[in-house]
Protein backbone atom coordinates (compact mmCIF):
# COMPACT_ATOMS: atom_id res chain seq x y z
CA MET A 1 -29.55 53.70 -20.10
CA PHE A 2 -28.05 50.48 -21.33
CA VAL A 3 -25.45 48.46 -19.48
CA LYS A 4 -21.95 49.26 -20.68
CA GLN A 5 -20.22 46.47 -22.53
CA THR A 6 -16.48 45.88 -22.52
CA GLY A 7 -15.87 43.65 -25.53
CA MET A 8 -17.15 42.77 -28.97
CA ASN A 9 -18.55 39.41 -27.82
CA THR A 10 -19.99 40.43 -24.44
CA THR A 11 -23.58 39.39 -23.83
CA HIS A 12 -25.86 42.42 -24.06
CA THR A 13 -28.70 43.07 -21.65
CA HIS A 14 -31.04 45.19 -23.74
CA THR A 15 -34.68 44.71 -22.83
CA PRO A 16 -37.59 44.25 -25.24
CA VAL A 17 -38.74 47.78 -24.33
CA GLN A 18 -35.35 49.24 -25.26
CA ARG A 19 -35.33 47.34 -28.56
CA ALA A 20 -38.87 48.50 -29.34
CA SER A 21 -37.92 52.10 -28.61
CA ALA A 22 -34.85 51.92 -30.86
CA LEU A 23 -36.91 50.42 -33.69
CA ALA A 24 -39.61 53.08 -33.26
CA ILE A 25 -36.94 55.79 -33.63
CA LEU A 26 -35.53 54.14 -36.74
CA ASN A 27 -38.99 53.81 -38.30
CA VAL A 28 -39.70 57.51 -37.81
CA LEU A 29 -36.38 58.50 -39.36
CA VAL A 30 -36.78 56.12 -42.31
CA LYS A 31 -40.07 57.82 -43.16
CA ARG A 32 -38.44 61.24 -42.88
CA TYR A 33 -35.38 60.29 -44.95
CA PRO A 34 -36.43 57.78 -47.63
CA GLN A 35 -33.65 58.69 -50.07
CA LYS A 36 -30.50 56.64 -50.54
CA GLY A 37 -27.22 57.69 -48.94
CA MET A 38 -25.21 60.41 -50.66
CA MET A 39 -22.20 58.13 -51.13
CA ASP A 40 -24.28 55.40 -52.75
CA LEU A 41 -23.17 56.04 -56.32
CA GLY A 42 -24.83 53.06 -57.91
CA ASN A 43 -21.92 50.62 -58.18
CA PRO A 44 -19.38 49.13 -55.75
CA GLU A 45 -16.29 50.78 -57.25
CA ASP A 46 -17.55 54.35 -57.18
CA THR A 47 -19.25 53.88 -53.82
CA LEU A 48 -16.04 52.54 -52.30
CA ILE A 49 -13.80 55.26 -53.70
CA ALA A 50 -16.22 58.06 -52.83
CA THR A 51 -16.66 56.75 -49.30
CA ILE A 52 -12.89 56.72 -48.78
CA LEU A 53 -12.72 60.29 -50.07
CA SER A 54 -15.51 61.37 -47.72
CA ALA A 55 -13.57 60.64 -44.52
CA ARG A 56 -13.58 63.86 -42.43
CA THR A 57 -14.99 65.65 -45.46
CA ARG A 58 -18.53 66.69 -46.28
CA ASP A 59 -20.24 64.41 -48.78
CA THR A 60 -21.23 67.46 -50.82
CA GLN A 61 -17.55 68.38 -51.28
CA VAL A 62 -16.76 64.89 -52.53
CA LEU A 63 -19.69 64.87 -54.93
CA LYS A 64 -18.59 68.24 -56.28
CA ILE A 65 -15.17 66.98 -57.35
CA TYR A 66 -15.99 63.35 -58.07
CA PRO A 67 -17.23 63.59 -61.70
CA ALA A 68 -14.07 65.41 -62.84
CA PHE A 69 -11.91 63.03 -60.82
CA ARG A 70 -13.39 59.95 -62.53
CA LYS A 71 -13.27 61.63 -65.90
CA ARG A 72 -9.52 62.04 -65.39
CA PHE A 73 -9.13 58.50 -64.01
CA PRO A 74 -12.02 56.50 -65.49
CA THR A 75 -10.71 53.01 -64.65
CA LEU A 76 -8.85 51.30 -61.84
CA ARG A 77 -5.93 50.77 -64.20
CA ASP A 78 -5.80 54.51 -64.82
CA LEU A 79 -5.61 55.07 -61.07
CA ALA A 80 -3.00 52.35 -60.58
CA ARG A 81 -0.80 53.73 -63.36
CA ALA A 82 -1.13 57.35 -62.21
CA SER A 83 1.29 58.99 -59.84
CA VAL A 84 0.10 59.65 -56.30
CA SER A 85 0.83 63.33 -56.83
CA SER A 86 -1.45 63.53 -59.88
CA ILE A 87 -4.27 61.86 -57.93
CA ALA A 88 -3.66 64.26 -55.05
CA THR A 89 -3.84 67.26 -57.38
CA SER A 90 -7.23 66.12 -58.66
CA ILE A 91 -8.72 65.93 -55.14
CA ASN A 92 -6.86 68.78 -53.44
CA THR A 93 -10.00 70.65 -52.38
CA ILE A 94 -11.03 67.98 -49.87
CA GLY A 95 -9.57 67.16 -46.47
CA MET A 96 -6.49 64.94 -46.09
CA PHE A 97 -6.17 64.75 -49.87
CA ARG A 98 -2.55 63.58 -49.86
CA ASN A 99 -3.24 60.59 -47.60
CA LYS A 100 -6.39 59.80 -49.54
CA ALA A 101 -4.46 59.90 -52.83
CA LYS A 102 -2.02 57.31 -51.44
CA SER A 103 -4.93 55.12 -50.31
CA ILE A 104 -6.79 55.36 -53.63
CA HIS A 105 -3.64 54.54 -55.60
CA ALA A 106 -2.88 51.52 -53.40
CA LEU A 107 -6.53 50.50 -53.47
CA ALA A 108 -6.58 50.39 -57.26
CA GLU A 109 -3.42 48.30 -57.33
CA ARG A 110 -4.79 45.85 -54.74
CA LEU A 111 -8.16 45.46 -56.46
CA ILE A 112 -6.42 44.66 -59.74
CA SER A 113 -3.81 42.30 -58.28
CA SER A 114 -5.96 40.45 -55.75
CA PHE A 115 -9.58 40.76 -56.89
CA ASN A 116 -9.44 40.90 -60.71
CA GLY A 117 -10.46 44.55 -60.65
CA LYS A 118 -13.69 43.91 -58.75
CA VAL A 119 -14.70 45.22 -55.33
CA PRO A 120 -15.14 42.21 -53.01
CA GLY A 121 -18.46 41.71 -51.26
CA THR A 122 -17.46 40.48 -47.80
CA MET A 123 -16.34 42.34 -44.70
CA ASP A 124 -13.16 40.30 -44.31
CA GLU A 125 -12.07 40.93 -47.89
CA LEU A 126 -12.93 44.62 -47.82
CA LEU A 127 -10.89 45.11 -44.65
CA THR A 128 -7.76 43.92 -46.50
CA LEU A 129 -7.99 46.90 -48.84
CA PRO A 130 -5.91 50.07 -48.30
CA GLY A 131 -7.88 52.89 -46.71
CA VAL A 132 -10.82 50.68 -45.76
CA GLY A 133 -12.01 50.32 -42.16
CA ARG A 134 -15.21 48.84 -40.78
CA LYS A 135 -17.23 52.01 -41.39
CA THR A 136 -16.29 52.20 -45.07
CA ALA A 137 -16.70 48.46 -45.55
CA SER A 138 -20.15 48.54 -43.94
CA CYS A 139 -21.26 51.41 -46.19
CA VAL A 140 -20.18 49.48 -49.30
CA LEU A 141 -21.75 46.22 -48.16
CA SER A 142 -25.11 47.79 -47.40
CA SER A 143 -25.22 50.12 -50.42
CA SER A 144 -23.76 47.91 -53.12
CA PHE A 145 -24.27 44.31 -52.03
CA SER A 146 -27.49 44.46 -49.99
CA VAL A 147 -25.63 42.94 -47.05
CA PRO A 148 -27.01 44.12 -43.67
CA ALA A 149 -24.35 46.25 -41.97
CA VAL A 150 -24.11 49.06 -39.42
CA ALA A 151 -21.65 51.81 -40.37
CA VAL A 152 -20.63 53.86 -37.32
CA ASP A 153 -19.43 57.28 -38.44
CA THR A 154 -19.26 60.42 -36.28
CA HIS A 155 -23.02 61.07 -36.65
CA VAL A 156 -24.03 57.54 -35.68
CA PHE A 157 -21.55 57.52 -32.79
CA ARG A 158 -22.80 60.84 -31.39
CA ILE A 159 -26.49 60.17 -31.81
CA ALA A 160 -26.34 56.61 -30.48
CA HIS A 161 -24.99 58.07 -27.24
CA ARG A 162 -27.61 60.81 -27.09
CA LEU A 163 -30.39 58.30 -27.64
CA GLY A 164 -29.01 56.06 -24.90
CA TRP A 165 -28.29 53.23 -27.30
CA THR A 166 -24.73 52.84 -25.98
CA THR A 167 -22.18 54.07 -23.47
CA GLU A 168 -19.21 52.64 -25.37
CA ASN A 169 -16.26 54.76 -26.50
CA ASP A 170 -15.05 52.38 -29.22
CA PRO A 171 -16.90 52.59 -32.56
CA ASP A 172 -16.63 48.82 -33.05
CA HIS A 173 -18.37 48.24 -29.71
CA VAL A 174 -21.01 50.83 -30.59
CA GLU A 175 -21.62 48.89 -33.81
CA GLU A 176 -22.15 45.68 -31.84
CA GLU A 177 -24.56 47.36 -29.42
CA ILE A 178 -26.65 48.77 -32.25
CA LYS A 179 -26.79 45.32 -33.82
CA THR A 180 -28.38 43.95 -30.64
CA LEU A 181 -31.00 46.70 -30.67
CA ILE A 182 -32.07 46.78 -34.31
CA PRO A 183 -33.29 43.73 -36.30
CA LYS A 184 -30.64 42.54 -38.75
CA LYS A 185 -32.79 43.24 -41.79
CA ARG A 186 -32.86 46.90 -40.73
CA TRP A 187 -29.16 47.41 -39.96
CA SER A 188 -28.45 49.17 -43.24
CA ASP A 189 -31.05 51.83 -42.50
CA VAL A 190 -29.11 53.07 -39.48
CA ASN A 191 -26.26 54.97 -41.11
CA ARG A 192 -28.35 56.06 -44.09
CA VAL A 193 -30.95 57.91 -42.02
CA ILE A 194 -28.96 58.93 -38.96
CA VAL A 195 -26.29 60.73 -41.00
CA GLN A 196 -28.89 63.03 -42.55
CA PHE A 197 -30.69 63.38 -39.21
CA GLY A 198 -27.39 64.42 -37.65
CA ARG A 199 -26.81 67.05 -40.30
CA ASP A 200 -30.33 68.47 -40.15
CA ILE A 201 -31.39 68.24 -36.53
CA CYS A 202 -29.20 66.34 -34.06
CA GLN A 203 -26.18 68.50 -34.74
CA PRO A 204 -22.91 68.18 -32.79
CA ARG A 205 -22.87 71.34 -30.70
CA THR A 206 -26.51 72.30 -30.40
CA PRO A 207 -29.15 69.74 -31.38
CA HIS A 208 -32.45 71.17 -32.57
CA CYS A 209 -34.54 69.25 -30.05
CA TYR A 210 -37.53 71.54 -30.65
CA ALA A 211 -37.71 70.26 -34.25
CA CYS A 212 -36.80 66.63 -33.55
CA PRO A 213 -39.29 63.99 -34.71
CA VAL A 214 -38.01 61.48 -32.11
CA ALA A 215 -37.60 63.80 -29.12
CA LYS A 216 -40.16 61.89 -27.07
CA HIS A 217 -37.99 58.76 -27.32
CA CYS A 218 -34.73 60.56 -26.51
CA PRO A 219 -33.25 60.79 -22.99
CA PHE A 220 -30.81 63.58 -23.93
CA LEU A 221 -31.05 66.54 -21.55
CA PRO A 222 -31.42 69.41 -21.45
CA LYS A 223 -33.60 69.62 -24.53
CA THR A 224 -32.91 72.76 -26.55
CA GLU A 225 -35.69 75.27 -27.17
CA LYS A 226 -36.43 77.16 -30.36
CA PRO A 227 -34.31 80.34 -30.50
């Protein structure tokens, strides 16, 4: 198990063996899940909006409503001019739709007023946008701008602990620990493959250890057996 860290800039004590193990796990999962992330919609604007909508909501639910949503509001100006209630009505089948409608409306206004209608490509700028935290910003940076980033969502947080990559309780600190384990050029693979791995195998309540391709690298106990 790795030494617990207490701050974002604390010196980490990961050994070469621990780093090699983490990279071996990532390599196995990259081969298993070569496809792009579900919220990578091919351009920064759609990827950003869809990622905001996906908070505490299954990606499949977002993708189900997203085409009709963008058909109704095809541009940022359409979103900025729309009422929050009309945006909410168009996304009311997903979780926290009212709060997300407020964020999307404010996001459109901010992108137009501060960034000439373009999604910015740096972490600092993205974090100034309504509804955008480090996880969302990291997803957009890695998917749309080819900027290495580690996005710590619930799957990455849970699985990083099971794998012994971290003992931290703060997602930002977990992000920093992962960055010390995985080479920078591979950071963007982490969220992309671990999210799908978490859905398929390393599930929240009962991981399917008997079907896990990285079980031999994983210290999680007790390992589950095939039912």
